[in-house]
Amino acid sequence: MFLKVEWIHDFPDQPILIYSELDEERYETRKVEIFRDGRVEYAPPEKETGSTFLSDQPLPPVEVIAMDPQFVPSVISAEEFEKVWEKATRMVG
C-alpha cells in the first residue's frame, strides 16, 4: 500500500507532504518527505537522509489518520509513489 499524507501546519522544520510505502503489516518500508521550502528527504530501510526516518510502529488505517483534521491522507498508486521516490533519490543522492 502507498499513502500520501498532506500535513496542514505552520512548522517550518516539518514536512507538508509525506509519502509512505507500507508492507502488509502497515510498517513503512520507504518514505519521502517534502518541506514547504522545497527541501526533500527520504528513507529506505537501510538509510536516512536529514531528519527523515521510517516509523518503528505500524501506521494506522487511512480512516483513523483522517480523523485528525491536520492530516489529509489518500491511498496512491505504486506508480505515483515510484515517481516521487525517483525524484527524491535523484535530488538528495
Protein backbone atom coordinates (compact mmCIF):
# COMPACT_ATOMS: atom_id res chain seq x y z
CA MET A 1 0.00 0.00 0.00
CA PHE A 2 1.13 3.53 -0.74
CA LEU A 3 0.00 6.62 1.15
CA LYS A 4 0.25 10.33 0.56
CA VAL A 5 -0.49 12.49 3.60
CA GLU A 6 -0.81 16.26 3.46
CA TRP A 7 0.10 17.73 6.85
CA ILE A 8 -1.53 21.11 7.43
CA HIS A 9 0.58 23.13 9.88
CA ASP A 10 2.82 26.18 10.33
CA PHE A 11 6.02 24.44 11.50
CA PRO A 12 8.87 25.45 9.14
CA ASP A 13 11.00 22.43 10.12
CA GLN A 14 8.32 19.78 9.46
CA PRO A 15 7.19 18.27 6.13
CA ILE A 16 3.96 19.29 4.44
CA LEU A 17 3.72 16.13 2.30
CA ILE A 18 4.61 12.61 3.44
CA TYR A 19 4.68 9.67 1.03
CA SER A 20 4.94 6.19 2.55
CA GLU A 21 5.27 2.70 1.13
CA LEU A 22 3.78 0.20 3.60
CA ASP A 23 4.20 -3.54 3.94
CA GLU A 24 1.31 -5.94 4.64
CA GLU A 25 1.53 -5.15 8.37
CA ARG A 26 1.42 -1.37 7.70
CA TYR A 27 5.09 -0.75 8.58
CA GLU A 28 6.87 1.81 6.43
CA THR A 29 9.39 0.34 4.02
CA ARG A 30 10.23 3.63 2.25
CA LYS A 31 9.28 7.24 2.92
CA VAL A 32 9.64 10.63 1.20
CA GLU A 33 9.03 13.92 2.99
CA ILE A 34 8.62 17.23 1.17
CA PHE A 35 9.02 20.50 3.04
CA ARG A 36 7.45 23.91 2.44
CA ASP A 37 10.79 25.35 1.29
CA GLY A 38 11.11 22.64 -1.39
CA ARG A 39 13.56 20.50 0.55
CA VAL A 40 13.12 16.76 0.06
CA GLU A 41 14.28 13.97 2.37
CA TYR A 42 13.78 10.22 2.11
CA ALA A 43 14.38 7.00 3.99
CA PRO A 44 14.75 3.46 2.67
CA PRO A 45 15.16 0.59 5.18
CA GLU A 46 18.94 0.88 5.36
CA LYS A 47 19.40 4.67 5.34
CA GLU A 48 18.07 8.04 6.48
CA THR A 49 18.51 11.47 4.96
CA GLY A 50 18.17 14.62 7.04
CA SER A 51 15.56 14.13 9.72
CA THR A 52 13.51 11.54 7.81
CA PHE A 53 13.34 8.01 9.17
CA LEU A 54 10.95 5.06 8.99
CA SER A 55 8.48 4.68 11.83
CA ASP A 56 9.10 1.76 14.18
CA GLN A 57 5.32 1.36 14.60
CA PRO A 58 2.70 0.34 12.03
CA LEU A 59 0.76 3.26 10.59
CA PRO A 60 -2.93 3.46 11.47
CA PRO A 61 -5.58 2.91 8.79
CA VAL A 62 -6.31 5.84 6.46
CA GLU A 63 -9.69 6.38 8.12
CA VAL A 64 -8.02 6.85 11.51
CA ILE A 65 -5.38 9.24 10.13
CA ALA A 66 -8.17 11.27 8.50
CA MET A 67 -9.89 11.75 11.88
CA ASP A 68 -7.21 14.31 12.75
CA PRO A 69 -8.06 17.50 10.80
CA GLN A 70 -4.39 18.43 10.34
CA PHE A 71 -3.85 15.33 8.16
CA VAL A 72 -5.33 14.71 4.71
CA PRO A 73 -4.41 11.12 3.76
CA SER A 74 -5.01 9.36 0.46
CA VAL A 75 -4.09 5.99 -0.97
CA ILE A 76 -1.97 6.43 -4.09
CA SER A 77 -0.75 4.09 -6.82
CA ALA A 78 2.61 2.37 -6.84
CA GLU A 79 3.42 4.36 -9.97
CA GLU A 80 2.79 7.69 -8.24
CA PHE A 81 4.95 6.67 -5.29
CA GLU A 82 7.77 5.48 -7.57
CA LYS A 83 7.79 8.83 -9.41
CA VAL A 84 8.12 10.72 -6.12
CA TRP A 85 10.74 8.24 -4.86
CA GLU A 86 12.82 8.51 -8.02
CA LYS A 87 12.76 12.30 -7.93
CA ALA A 88 13.67 12.37 -4.21
CA THR A 89 16.58 9.97 -4.55
CA ARG A 90 17.94 11.92 -7.54
CA MET A 91 17.64 15.25 -5.70
CA VAL A 92 19.18 14.09 -2.44
CA GLY A 93 21.56 11.49 -3.80
